[in-house]
Amino acid sequence: WLSNKDCDGDGLLDRHYGYPSYIGSDAWLTNHQSGTYEGENGETCKWEYFVKIVAVPQDAVKINGYWYTADGREIGPAIWGDFATIQEVYNDSCAGSHGIQYLSPVGPGLGKW
């Protein structure tokens, strides 16, 4: 959640420069993880996880752990205070998990926020 710039001249990379928090800052992040583990029968199981997380808009409202747009559309579950998960994908060759686990009803596009 760091910028790749020092906009305020303090010699450090910036966090939500020009904003009091990440809310409304248009910040976003993707995270991709993968690995293997030994299954119940000794087989090698492969897993993979991918998530898209966005800073919520300035006028978003958090209700019962979910962020919503000003007009009441669900953005996604709250994470790290100012952020919402808009897409989660999990695949696991042994657990039978395949594909999208969560998809924001207003869409998973990073450019929306």
PDB file of N, CA and C in Angstrom:
ATOM      1  N   TRP A   1       0.801  -1.191   0.000  1.00  0.00           N
ATOM      2  CA  TRP A   1       0.000   0.000   0.000  1.00  0.00           C
ATOM      3  C   TRP A   1       0.844   1.255   0.000  1.00  0.00           C
ATOM      4  N   LEU A   2       2.022   1.135  -0.554  1.00  0.00           N
ATOM      5  CA  LEU A   2       2.895   2.291  -0.703  1.00  0.00           C
ATOM      6  C   LEU A   2       2.872   2.765  -2.144  1.00  0.00           C
ATOM      7  N   SER A   3       2.988   4.039  -2.299  1.00  0.00           N
ATOM      8  CA  SER A   3       3.201   4.610  -3.617  1.00  0.00           C
ATOM      9  C   SER A   3       4.620   4.259  -4.052  1.00  0.00           C
ATOM     10  N   ASN A   4       4.909   4.440  -5.302  1.00  0.00           N
ATOM     11  CA  ASN A   4       6.292   4.281  -5.756  1.00  0.00           C
ATOM     12  C   ASN A   4       6.970   5.639  -5.877  1.00  0.00           C
ATOM     13  N   LYS A   5       6.387   6.666  -5.210  1.00  0.00           N
ATOM     14  CA  LYS A   5       6.910   8.030  -5.292  1.00  0.00           C
ATOM     15  C   LYS A   5       6.988   8.674  -3.911  1.00  0.00           C
ATOM     16  N   ASP A   6       7.852   9.670  -3.815  1.00  0.00           N
ATOM     17  CA  ASP A   6       7.914  10.529  -2.633  1.00  0.00           C
ATOM     18  C   ASP A   6       7.364  11.883  -3.055  1.00  0.00           C
ATOM     19  N   CYS A   7       6.068  12.080  -2.888  1.00  0.00           N
ATOM     20  CA  CYS A   7       5.421  13.315  -3.342  1.00  0.00           C
ATOM     21  C   CYS A   7       5.534  14.459  -2.346  1.00  0.00           C
ATOM     22  N   ASP A   8       5.777  14.165  -1.076  1.00  0.00           N
ATOM     23  CA  ASP A   8       5.826  15.231  -0.070  1.00  0.00           C
ATOM     24  C   ASP A   8       7.246  15.618   0.342  1.00  0.00           C
ATOM     25  N   GLY A   9       8.258  15.013  -0.313  1.00  0.00           N
ATOM     26  CA  GLY A   9       9.642  15.413  -0.095  1.00  0.00           C
ATOM     27  C   GLY A   9      10.251  15.014   1.237  1.00  0.00           C
ATOM     28  N   ASP A  10       9.661  14.032   1.932  1.00  0.00           N
ATOM     29  CA  ASP A  10      10.218  13.626   3.227  1.00  0.00           C
ATOM     30  C   ASP A  10      11.229  12.490   3.115  1.00  0.00           C
ATOM     31  N   GLY A  11      11.543  12.071   1.877  1.00  0.00           N
ATOM     32  CA  GLY A  11      12.519  11.012   1.665  1.00  0.00           C
ATOM     33  C   GLY A  11      11.948   9.610   1.808  1.00  0.00           C
ATOM     34  N   LEU A  12      10.637   9.492   1.991  1.00  0.00           N
ATOM     35  CA  LEU A  12       9.980   8.198   2.162  1.00  0.00           C
ATOM     36  C   LEU A  12       8.916   8.004   1.085  1.00  0.00           C
ATOM     37  N   LEU A  13       8.629   6.746   0.759  1.00  0.00           N
ATOM     38  CA  LEU A  13       7.523   6.474  -0.144  1.00  0.00           C
ATOM     39  C   LEU A  13       6.222   6.835   0.561  1.00  0.00           C
ATOM     40  N   ASP A  14       5.251   7.318  -0.192  1.00  0.00           N
ATOM     41  CA  ASP A  14       4.017   7.840   0.388  1.00  0.00           C
ATOM     42  C   ASP A  14       2.936   6.779   0.553  1.00  0.00           C
ATOM     43  N   ARG A  15       2.077   7.022   1.538  1.00  0.00           N
ATOM     44  CA  ARG A  15       0.839   6.266   1.736  1.00  0.00           C
ATOM     45  C   ARG A  15      -0.304   7.254   1.570  1.00  0.00           C
ATOM     46  N   HIS A  16      -1.277   6.930   0.762  1.00  0.00           N
ATOM     47  CA  HIS A  16      -2.463   7.755   0.465  1.00  0.00           C
ATOM     48  C   HIS A  16      -2.157   9.255   0.447  1.00  0.00           C
ATOM     49  N   TYR A  17      -1.136   9.632  -0.326  1.00  0.00           N
ATOM     50  CA  TYR A  17      -0.707  11.031  -0.422  1.00  0.00           C
ATOM     51  C   TYR A  17      -1.878  11.929  -0.811  1.00  0.00           C
ATOM     52  N   GLY A  18      -2.090  12.977  -0.031  1.00  0.00           N
ATOM     53  CA  GLY A  18      -3.147  13.937  -0.309  1.00  0.00           C
ATOM     54  C   GLY A  18      -4.512  13.544   0.228  1.00  0.00           C
ATOM     55  N   TYR A  19      -4.596  12.402   0.887  1.00  0.00           N
ATOM     56  CA  TYR A  19      -5.856  11.923   1.459  1.00  0.00           C
ATOM     57  C   TYR A  19      -5.646  11.653   2.944  1.00  0.00           C
ATOM     58  N   PRO A  20      -6.674  11.865   3.772  1.00  0.00           N
ATOM     59  CA  PRO A  20      -6.530  11.577   5.202  1.00  0.00           C
ATOM     60  C   PRO A  20      -6.485  10.081   5.507  1.00  0.00           C
ATOM     61  N   SER A  21      -6.985   9.253   4.577  1.00  0.00           N
ATOM     62  CA  SER A  21      -6.937   7.796   4.700  1.00  0.00           C
ATOM     63  C   SER A  21      -6.931   7.235   3.283  1.00  0.00           C
ATOM     64  N   TYR A  22      -7.004   5.928   3.148  1.00  0.00           N
ATOM     65  CA  TYR A  22      -7.064   5.332   1.815  1.00  0.00           C
ATOM     66  C   TYR A  22      -8.430   5.503   1.159  1.00  0.00           C
ATOM     67  N   ILE A  23      -9.463   5.768   1.946  1.00  0.00           N
ATOM     68  CA  ILE A  23     -10.814   5.912   1.396  1.00  0.00           C
ATOM     69  C   ILE A  23     -10.826   7.027   0.343  1.00  0.00           C
ATOM     70  N   GLY A  24     -11.325   6.680  -0.850  1.00  0.00           N
ATOM     71  CA  GLY A  24     -11.398   7.636  -1.947  1.00  0.00           C
ATOM     72  C   GLY A  24     -10.090   7.852  -2.687  1.00  0.00           C
ATOM     73  N   SER A  25      -9.048   7.115  -2.338  1.00  0.00           N
ATOM     74  CA  SER A  25      -7.714   7.341  -2.912  1.00  0.00           C
ATOM     75  C   SER A  25      -7.466   6.596  -4.218  1.00  0.00           C
ATOM     76  N   ASP A  26      -8.370   5.703  -4.610  1.00  0.00           N
ATOM     77  CA  ASP A  26      -8.213   4.864  -5.807  1.00  0.00           C
ATOM     78  C   ASP A  26      -7.120   3.811  -5.667  1.00  0.00           C
ATOM     79  N   ALA A  27      -6.640   3.556  -4.456  1.00  0.00           N
ATOM     80  CA  ALA A  27      -5.614   2.524  -4.256  1.00  0.00           C
ATOM     81  C   ALA A  27      -6.214   1.141  -4.515  1.00  0.00           C
ATOM     82  N   TRP A  28      -5.394   0.219  -5.006  1.00  0.00           N
ATOM     83  CA  TRP A  28      -5.832  -1.153  -5.205  1.00  0.00           C
ATOM     84  C   TRP A  28      -4.631  -2.082  -5.110  1.00  0.00           C
ATOM     85  N   LEU A  29      -4.912  -3.360  -4.960  1.00  0.00           N
ATOM     86  CA  LEU A  29      -3.868  -4.368  -4.809  1.00  0.00           C
ATOM     87  C   LEU A  29      -4.382  -5.692  -5.338  1.00  0.00           C
ATOM     88  N   THR A  30      -3.505  -6.446  -5.976  1.00  0.00           N
ATOM     89  CA  THR A  30      -3.802  -7.847  -6.263  1.00  0.00           C
ATOM     90  C   THR A  30      -2.761  -8.683  -5.541  1.00  0.00           C
ATOM     91  N   ASN A  31      -3.163  -9.861  -5.142  1.00  0.00           N
ATOM     92  CA  ASN A  31      -2.263 -10.764  -4.438  1.00  0.00           C
ATOM     93  C   ASN A  31      -2.446 -12.156  -5.022  1.00  0.00           C
ATOM     94  N   HIS A  32      -1.336 -12.801  -5.361  1.00  0.00           N
ATOM     95  CA  HIS A  32      -1.383 -14.130  -5.960  1.00  0.00           C
ATOM     96  C   HIS A  32      -0.454 -15.037  -5.171  1.00  0.00           C
ATOM     97  N   GLN A  33      -0.999 -16.131  -4.674  1.00  0.00           N
ATOM     98  CA  GLN A  33      -0.218 -17.096  -3.904  1.00  0.00           C
ATOM     99  C   GLN A  33      -0.449 -18.484  -4.484  1.00  0.00           C
ATOM    100  N   SER A  34       0.535 -19.355  -4.319  1.00  0.00           N
ATOM    101  CA  SER A  34       0.359 -20.743  -4.745  1.00  0.00           C
ATOM    102  C   SER A  34       1.314 -21.628  -3.965  1.00  0.00           C
ATOM    103  N   GLY A  35       1.007 -22.899  -3.948  1.00  0.00           N
ATOM    104  CA  GLY A  35       1.871 -23.832  -3.240  1.00  0.00           C
ATOM    105  C   GLY A  35       1.393 -25.260  -3.394  1.00  0.00           C
ATOM    106  N   THR A  36       2.042 -26.140  -2.665  1.00  0.00           N
ATOM    107  CA  THR A  36       1.680 -27.551  -2.652  1.00  0.00           C
ATOM    108  C   THR A  36       1.660 -28.052  -1.217  1.00  0.00           C
ATOM    109  N   TYR A  37       0.949 -29.142  -1.019  1.00  0.00           N
ATOM    110  CA  TYR A  37       0.941 -29.828   0.271  1.00  0.00           C
ATOM    111  C   TYR A  37       0.681 -31.309   0.023  1.00  0.00           C
ATOM    112  N   GLU A  38       0.951 -32.111   1.016  1.00  0.00           N
ATOM    113  CA  GLU A  38       0.728 -33.541   0.890  1.00  0.00           C
ATOM    114  C   GLU A  38      -0.714 -33.865   1.259  1.00  0.00           C
ATOM    115  N   GLY A  39      -1.402 -34.554   0.355  1.00  0.00           N
ATOM    116  CA  GLY A  39      -2.792 -34.928   0.583  1.00  0.00           C
ATOM    117  C   GLY A  39      -2.921 -36.128   1.504  1.00  0.00           C
ATOM    118  N   GLU A  40      -4.150 -36.509   1.787  1.00  0.00           N
ATOM    119  CA  GLU A  40      -4.438 -37.604   2.712  1.00  0.00           C
ATOM    120  C   GLU A  40      -3.840 -38.929   2.278  1.00  0.00           C
ATOM    121  N   ASN A  41      -3.702 -39.136   0.979  1.00  0.00           N
ATOM    122  CA  ASN A  41      -3.169 -40.397   0.460  1.00  0.00           C
ATOM    123  C   ASN A  41      -1.726 -40.268  -0.009  1.00  0.00           C
ATOM    124  N   GLY A  42      -1.041 -39.221   0.426  1.00  0.00           N
ATOM    125  CA  GLY A  42       0.356 -39.022   0.066  1.00  0.00           C
ATOM    126  C   GLY A  42       0.572 -38.318  -1.258  1.00  0.00           C
ATOM    127  N   GLU A  43      -0.495 -37.959  -1.942  1.00  0.00           N
ATOM    128  CA  GLU A  43      -0.362 -37.284  -3.227  1.00  0.00           C
ATOM    129  C   GLU A  43       0.016 -35.816  -3.027  1.00  0.00           C
ATOM    130  N   THR A  44       0.608 -35.246  -4.055  1.00  0.00           N
ATOM    131  CA  THR A  44       0.940 -33.824  -4.017  1.00  0.00           C
ATOM    132  C   THR A  44      -0.271 -33.027  -4.475  1.00  0.00           C
ATOM    133  N   CYS A  45      -0.725 -32.148  -3.608  1.00  0.00           N
ATOM    134  CA  CYS A  45      -1.883 -31.309  -3.902  1.00  0.00           C
ATOM    135  C   CYS A  45      -1.399 -29.897  -4.205  1.00  0.00           C
ATOM    136  N   LYS A  46      -1.926 -29.325  -5.259  1.00  0.00           N
ATOM    137  CA  LYS A  46      -1.560 -27.958  -5.643  1.00  0.00           C
ATOM    138  C   LYS A  46      -2.711 -27.016  -5.311  1.00  0.00           C
ATOM    139  N   TRP A  47      -2.371 -25.843  -4.764  1.00  0.00           N
ATOM    140  CA  TRP A  47      -3.377 -24.829  -4.475  1.00  0.00           C
ATOM    141  C   TRP A  47      -2.917 -23.490  -5.031  1.00  0.00           C
ATOM    142  N   GLU A  48      -3.887 -22.641  -5.299  1.00  0.00           N
ATOM    143  CA  GLU A  48      -3.603 -21.313  -5.837  1.00  0.00           C
ATOM    144  C   GLU A  48      -4.694 -20.356  -5.358  1.00  0.00           C
ATOM    145  N   TYR A  49      -4.286 -19.158  -4.952  1.00  0.00           N
ATOM    146  CA  TYR A  49      -5.219 -18.151  -4.435  1.00  0.00           C
ATOM    147  C   TYR A  49      -4.910 -16.815  -5.096  1.00  0.00           C
ATOM    148  N   PHE A  50      -5.960 -16.118  -5.506  1.00  0.00           N
ATOM    149  CA  PHE A  50      -5.817 -14.801  -6.117  1.00  0.00           C
ATOM    150  C   PHE A  50      -6.909 -13.907  -5.556  1.00  0.00           C
ATOM    151  N   VAL A  51      -6.562 -12.651  -5.244  1.00  0.00           N
ATOM    152  CA  VAL A  51      -7.543 -11.720  -4.693  1.00  0.00           C
ATOM    153  C   VAL A  51      -7.302 -10.319  -5.255  1.00  0.00           C
ATOM    154  N   LYS A  52      -8.410  -9.585  -5.469  1.00  0.00           N
ATOM    155  CA  LYS A  52      -8.358  -8.167  -5.832  1.00  0.00           C
ATOM    156  C   LYS A  52      -8.965  -7.381  -4.679  1.00  0.00           C
ATOM    157  N   ILE A  53      -8.249  -6.357  -4.229  1.00  0.00           N
ATOM    158  CA  ILE A  53      -8.680  -5.529  -3.107  1.00  0.00           C
ATOM    159  C   ILE A  53      -8.599  -4.070  -3.539  1.00  0.00           C
ATOM    160  N   VAL A  54      -9.626  -3.284  -3.197  1.00  0.00           N
ATOM    161  CA  VAL A  54      -9.655  -1.868  -3.575  1.00  0.00           C
ATOM    162  C   VAL A  54      -9.946  -0.989  -2.368  1.00  0.00           C
ATOM    163  N   ALA A  55      -9.422   0.235  -2.403  1.00  0.00           N
ATOM    164  CA  ALA A  55      -9.838   1.253  -1.436  1.00  0.00           C
ATOM    165  C   ALA A  55     -11.251   1.672  -1.825  1.00  0.00           C
ATOM    166  N   VAL A  56     -12.123   1.764  -0.845  1.00  0.00           N
ATOM    167  CA  VAL A  56     -13.522   2.085  -1.153  1.00  0.00           C
ATOM    168  C   VAL A  56     -13.672   3.559  -1.511  1.00  0.00           C
ATOM    169  N   PRO A  57     -14.732   3.901  -2.259  1.00  0.00           N
ATOM    170  CA  PRO A  57     -14.984   5.296  -2.612  1.00  0.00           C
ATOM    171  C   PRO A  57     -15.280   6.152  -1.377  1.00  0.00           C
ATOM    172  N   GLN A  58     -15.119   7.440  -1.533  1.00  0.00           N
ATOM    173  CA  GLN A  58     -15.330   8.390  -0.438  1.00  0.00           C
ATOM    174  C   GLN A  58     -16.719   8.284   0.177  1.00  0.00           C
ATOM    175  N   ASP A  59     -17.725   8.012  -0.647  1.00  0.00           N
ATOM    176  CA  ASP A  59     -19.101   7.975  -0.153  1.00  0.00           C
ATOM    177  C   ASP A  59     -19.598   6.569   0.197  1.00  0.00           C
ATOM    178  N   ALA A  60     -18.694   5.591   0.251  1.00  0.00           N
ATOM    179  CA  ALA A  60     -19.082   4.219   0.592  1.00  0.00           C
ATOM    180  C   ALA A  60     -19.496   4.124   2.061  1.00  0.00           C
ATOM    181  N   VAL A  61     -20.340   3.128   2.336  1.00  0.00           N
ATOM    182  CA  VAL A  61     -20.853   2.904   3.687  1.00  0.00           C
ATOM    183  C   VAL A  61     -20.577   1.453   4.072  1.00  0.00           C
ATOM    184  N   LYS A  62     -20.065   1.238   5.299  1.00  0.00           N
ATOM    185  CA  LYS A  62     -19.818  -0.121   5.779  1.00  0.00           C
ATOM    186  C   LYS A  62     -20.964  -0.551   6.689  1.00  0.00           C
ATOM    187  N   ILE A  63     -21.579  -1.699   6.339  1.00  0.00           N
ATOM    188  CA  ILE A  63     -22.687  -2.253   7.107  1.00  0.00           C
ATOM    189  C   ILE A  63     -22.423  -3.738   7.334  1.00  0.00           C
ATOM    190  N   ASN A  64     -22.381  -4.140   8.602  1.00  0.00           N
ATOM    191  CA  ASN A  64     -22.193  -5.554   8.958  1.00  0.00           C
ATOM    192  C   ASN A  64     -21.015  -6.202   8.243  1.00  0.00           C
ATOM    193  N   GLY A  65     -19.901  -5.487   8.161  1.00  0.00           N
ATOM    194  CA  GLY A  65     -18.686  -6.056   7.594  1.00  0.00           C
ATOM    195  C   GLY A  65     -18.573  -6.016   6.086  1.00  0.00           C
ATOM    196  N   TYR A  66     -19.520  -5.366   5.407  1.00  0.00           N
ATOM    197  CA  TYR A  66     -19.473  -5.232   3.954  1.00  0.00           C
ATOM    198  C   TYR A  66     -19.542  -3.757   3.589  1.00  0.00           C
ATOM    199  N   TRP A  67     -18.804  -3.386   2.529  1.00  0.00           N
ATOM    200  CA  TRP A  67     -18.859  -2.029   2.007  1.00  0.00           C
ATOM    201  C   TRP A  67     -19.914  -1.955   0.913  1.00  0.00           C
ATOM    202  N   TYR A  68     -20.632  -0.824   0.887  1.00  0.00           N
ATOM    203  CA  TYR A  68     -21.674  -0.568  -0.107  1.00  0.00           C
ATOM    204  C   TYR A  68     -21.453   0.799  -0.739  1.00  0.00           C
ATOM    205  N   THR A  69     -21.862   0.920  -2.001  1.00  0.00           N
ATOM    206  CA  THR A  69     -21.821   2.220  -2.668  1.00  0.00           C
ATOM    207  C   THR A  69     -22.878   3.123  -2.045  1.00  0.00           C
ATOM    208  N   ALA A  70     -22.816   4.404  -2.359  1.00  0.00           N
ATOM    209  CA  ALA A  70     -23.781   5.371  -1.825  1.00  0.00           C
ATOM    210  C   ALA A  70     -25.217   5.019  -2.209  1.00  0.00           C
ATOM    211  N   ASP A  71     -25.389   4.351  -3.359  1.00  0.00           N
ATOM    212  CA  ASP A  71     -26.746   3.968  -3.776  1.00  0.00           C
ATOM    213  C   ASP A  71     -27.123   2.548  -3.340  1.00  0.00           C
ATOM    214  N   GLY A  72     -26.338   1.964  -2.423  1.00  0.00           N
ATOM    215  CA  GLY A  72     -26.715   0.695  -1.806  1.00  0.00           C
ATOM    216  C   GLY A  72     -26.241  -0.573  -2.475  1.00  0.00           C
ATOM    217  N   ARG A  73     -25.392  -0.484  -3.482  1.00  0.00           N
ATOM    218  CA  ARG A  73     -24.883  -1.689  -4.143  1.00  0.00           C
ATOM    219  C   ARG A  73     -23.674  -2.227  -3.381  1.00  0.00           C
ATOM    220  N   GLU A  74     -23.627  -3.549  -3.210  1.00  0.00           N
ATOM    221  CA  GLU A  74     -22.530  -4.187  -2.481  1.00  0.00           C
ATOM    222  C   GLU A  74     -21.221  -4.088  -3.261  1.00  0.00           C
ATOM    223  N   ILE A  75     -20.192  -3.548  -2.596  1.00  0.00           N
ATOM    224  CA  ILE A  75     -18.848  -3.526  -3.174  1.00  0.00           C
ATOM    225  C   ILE A  75     -18.144  -4.822  -2.819  1.00  0.00           C
ATOM    226  N   GLY A  76     -18.123  -5.154  -1.518  1.00  0.00           N
ATOM    227  CA  GLY A  76     -17.496  -6.389  -1.079  1.00  0.00           C
ATOM    228  C   GLY A  76     -17.198  -6.380   0.403  1.00  0.00           C
ATOM    229  N   PRO A  77     -16.705  -7.508   0.914  1.00  0.00           N
ATOM    230  CA  PRO A  77     -16.383  -7.602   2.334  1.00  0.00           C
ATOM    231  C   PRO A  77     -15.257  -6.647   2.717  1.00  0.00           C
ATOM    232  N   ALA A  78     -15.386  -6.061   3.889  1.00  0.00           N
ATOM    233  CA  ALA A  78     -14.362  -5.143   4.396  1.00  0.00           C
ATOM    234  C   ALA A  78     -13.101  -5.919   4.761  1.00  0.00           C
ATOM    235  N   ILE A  79     -11.968  -5.303   4.479  1.00  0.00           N
ATOM    236  CA  ILE A  79     -10.674  -5.853   4.867  1.00  0.00           C
ATOM    237  C   ILE A  79      -9.757  -4.668   5.159  1.00  0.00           C
ATOM    238  N   TRP A  80      -8.986  -4.744   6.213  1.00  0.00           N
ATOM    239  CA  TRP A  80      -8.011  -3.712   6.578  1.00  0.00           C
ATOM    240  C   TRP A  80      -8.636  -2.322   6.714  1.00  0.00           C
ATOM    241  N   GLY A  81      -9.859  -2.244   7.155  1.00  0.00           N
ATOM    242  CA  GLY A  81     -10.480  -0.950   7.429  1.00  0.00           C
ATOM    243  C   GLY A  81     -11.024  -0.228   6.216  1.00  0.00           C
ATOM    244  N   ASP A  82     -10.153   0.357   5.414  1.00  0.00           N
ATOM    245  CA  ASP A  82     -10.553   1.225   4.304  1.00  0.00           C
ATOM    246  C   ASP A  82     -10.760   0.494   2.980  1.00  0.00           C
ATOM    247  N   PHE A  83     -10.646  -0.822   2.984  1.00  0.00           N
ATOM    248  CA  PHE A  83     -10.610  -1.585   1.737  1.00  0.00           C
ATOM    249  C   PHE A  83     -11.735  -2.610   1.652  1.00  0.00           C
ATOM    250  N   ALA A  84     -12.015  -3.044   0.416  1.00  0.00           N
ATOM    251  CA  ALA A  84     -12.996  -4.102   0.164  1.00  0.00           C
ATOM    252  C   ALA A  84     -12.395  -5.118  -0.793  1.00  0.00           C
ATOM    253  N   THR A  85     -12.701  -6.375  -0.563  1.00  0.00           N
ATOM    254  CA  THR A  85     -12.351  -7.444  -1.493  1.00  0.00           C
ATOM    255  C   THR A  85     -13.394  -7.440  -2.601  1.00  0.00           C
ATOM    256  N   ILE A  86     -12.938  -7.396  -3.861  1.00  0.00           N
ATOM    257  CA  ILE A  86     -13.895  -7.402  -4.966  1.00  0.00           C
ATOM    258  C   ILE A  86     -13.864  -8.708  -5.764  1.00  0.00           C
ATOM    259  N   GLN A  87     -12.812  -9.510  -5.579  1.00  0.00           N
ATOM    260  CA  GLN A  87     -12.763 -10.811  -6.247  1.00  0.00           C
ATOM    261  C   GLN A  87     -11.795 -11.720  -5.503  1.00  0.00           C
ATOM    262  N   GLU A  88     -12.218 -12.974  -5.299  1.00  0.00           N
ATOM    263  CA  GLU A  88     -11.347 -14.002  -4.735  1.00  0.00           C
ATOM    264  C   GLU A  88     -11.487 -15.260  -5.573  1.00  0.00           C
ATOM    265  N   VAL A  89     -10.354 -15.856  -5.915  1.00  0.00           N
ATOM    266  CA  VAL A  89     -10.329 -17.094  -6.681  1.00  0.00           C
ATOM    267  C   VAL A  89      -9.469 -18.089  -5.911  1.00  0.00           C
ATOM    268  N   TYR A  90      -9.978 -19.313  -5.739  1.00  0.00           N
ATOM    269  CA  TYR A  90      -9.210 -20.340  -5.039  1.00  0.00           C
ATOM    270  C   TYR A  90      -9.359 -21.652  -5.790  1.00  0.00           C
ATOM    271  N   ASN A  91      -8.231 -22.276  -6.063  1.00  0.00           N
ATOM    272  CA  ASN A  91      -8.200 -23.587  -6.692  1.00  0.00           C
ATOM    273  C   ASN A  91      -7.361 -24.512  -5.827  1.00  0.00           C
ATOM    274  N   ASP A  92      -7.849 -25.728  -5.626  1.00  0.00           N
ATOM    275  CA  ASP A  92      -7.127 -26.729  -4.839  1.00  0.00           C
ATOM    276  C   ASP A  92      -7.421 -28.091  -5.453  1.00  0.00           C
ATOM    277  N   SER A  93      -6.390 -28.731  -5.995  1.00  0.00           N
ATOM    278  CA  SER A  93      -6.574 -29.977  -6.730  1.00  0.00           C
ATOM    279  C   SER A  93      -7.097 -31.117  -5.864  1.00  0.00           C
ATOM    280  N   CYS A  94      -6.880 -31.083  -4.571  1.00  0.00           N
ATOM    281  CA  CYS A  94      -7.328 -32.169  -3.696  1.00  0.00           C
ATOM    282  C   CYS A  94      -8.593 -31.838  -2.912  1.00  0.00           C
ATOM    283  N   ALA A  95      -8.819 -30.581  -2.637  1.00  0.00           N
ATOM    284  CA  ALA A  95      -9.978 -30.189  -1.827  1.00  0.00           C
ATOM    285  C   ALA A  95     -11.240 -29.987  -2.664  1.00  0.00           C
ATOM    286  N   GLY A  96     -11.093 -30.000  -3.986  1.00  0.00           N
ATOM    287  CA  GLY A  96     -12.256 -29.820  -4.845  1.00  0.00           C
ATOM    288  C   GLY A  96     -12.698 -28.378  -5.006  1.00  0.00           C
ATOM    289  N   SER A  97     -11.862 -27.453  -4.625  1.00  0.00           N
ATOM    290  CA  SER A  97     -12.183 -26.033  -4.790  1.00  0.00           C
ATOM    291  C   SER A  97     -11.667 -25.562  -6.140  1.00  0.00           C
ATOM    292  N   HIS A  98     -12.561 -24.940  -6.906  1.00  0.00           N
ATOM    293  CA  HIS A  98     -12.173 -24.488  -8.240  1.00  0.00           C
ATOM    294  C   HIS A  98     -12.899 -23.199  -8.579  1.00  0.00           C
ATOM    295  N   GLY A  99     -12.142 -22.148  -8.821  1.00  0.00           N
ATOM    296  CA  GLY A  99     -12.717 -20.940  -9.374  1.00  0.00           C
ATOM    297  C   GLY A  99     -13.071 -19.858  -8.384  1.00  0.00           C
ATOM    298  N   ILE A 100     -13.977 -19.016  -8.814  1.00  0.00           N
ATOM    299  CA  ILE A 100     -14.337 -17.812  -8.071  1.00  0.00           C
ATOM    300  C   ILE A 100     -15.064 -18.171  -6.779  1.00  0.00           C
ATOM    301  N   GLN A 101     -14.537 -17.655  -5.683  1.00  0.00           N
ATOM    302  CA  GLN A 101     -15.155 -17.831  -4.371  1.00  0.00           C
ATOM    303  C   GLN A 101     -15.998 -16.611  -4.008  1.00  0.00           C
ATOM    304  N   TYR A 102     -15.589 -15.442  -4.488  1.00  0.00           N
ATOM    305  CA  TYR A 102     -16.362 -14.213  -4.282  1.00  0.00           C
ATOM    306  C   TYR A 102     -16.162 -13.307  -5.485  1.00  0.00           C
ATOM    307  N   LEU A 103     -17.246 -12.684  -5.929  1.00  0.00           N
ATOM    308  CA  LEU A 103     -17.206 -11.721  -7.023  1.00  0.00           C
ATOM    309  C   LEU A 103     -18.145 -10.577  -6.659  1.00  0.00           C
ATOM    310  N   SER A 104     -17.613  -9.383  -6.589  1.00  0.00           N
ATOM    311  CA  SER A 104     -18.419  -8.219  -6.233  1.00  0.00           C
ATOM    312  C   SER A 104     -19.600  -8.077  -7.189  1.00  0.00           C
ATOM    313  N   PRO A 105     -20.800  -7.882  -6.666  1.00  0.00           N
ATOM    314  CA  PRO A 105     -21.961  -7.696  -7.535  1.00  0.00           C
ATOM    315  C   PRO A 105     -21.853  -6.483  -8.461  1.00  0.00           C
ATOM    316  N   VAL A 106     -21.040  -5.497  -8.092  1.00  0.00           N
ATOM    317  CA  VAL A 106     -20.876  -4.346  -8.982  1.00  0.00           C
ATOM    318  C   VAL A 106     -19.697  -4.527  -9.928  1.00  0.00           C
ATOM    319  N   GLY A 107     -19.032  -5.674  -9.858  1.00  0.00           N
ATOM    320  CA  GLY A 107     -17.978  -6.004 -10.800  1.00  0.00           C
ATOM    321  C   GLY A 107     -16.594  -6.000 -10.198  1.00  0.00           C
ATOM    322  N   PRO A 108     -15.694  -6.808 -10.778  1.00  0.00           N
ATOM    323  CA  PRO A 108     -14.347  -6.952 -10.247  1.00  0.00           C
ATOM    324  C   PRO A 108     -13.312  -6.021 -10.870  1.00  0.00           C
ATOM    325  N   GLY A 109     -13.731  -5.083 -11.705  1.00  0.00           N
ATOM    326  CA  GLY A 109     -12.766  -4.228 -12.391  1.00  0.00           C
ATOM    327  C   GLY A 109     -12.070  -3.256 -11.461  1.00  0.00           C
ATOM    328  N   LEU A 110     -10.749  -3.183 -11.544  1.00  0.00           N
ATOM    329  CA  LEU A 110      -9.976  -2.287 -10.685  1.00  0.00           C
ATOM    330  C   LEU A 110     -10.210  -0.821 -11.033  1.00  0.00           C
ATOM    331  N   GLY A 111     -10.504  -0.514 -12.268  1.00  0.00           N
ATOM    332  CA  GLY A 111     -10.687   0.868 -12.691  1.00  0.00           C
ATOM    333  C   GLY A 111     -11.965   1.532 -12.199  1.00  0.00           C
ATOM    334  N   LYS A 112     -12.887   0.762 -11.639  1.00  0.00           N
ATOM    335  CA  LYS A 112     -14.144   1.331 -11.133  1.00  0.00           C
ATOM    336  C   LYS A 112     -13.936   2.154  -9.884  1.00  0.00           C
ATOM    337  N   TRP A 113     -12.922   1.875  -9.135  1.00  0.00           N
ATOM    338  CA  TRP A 113     -12.789   2.441  -7.798  1.00  0.00           C
ATOM    339  C   TRP A 113     -11.686   3.458  -7.770  1.00  0.00           C
TER     340      TRP A 113
END
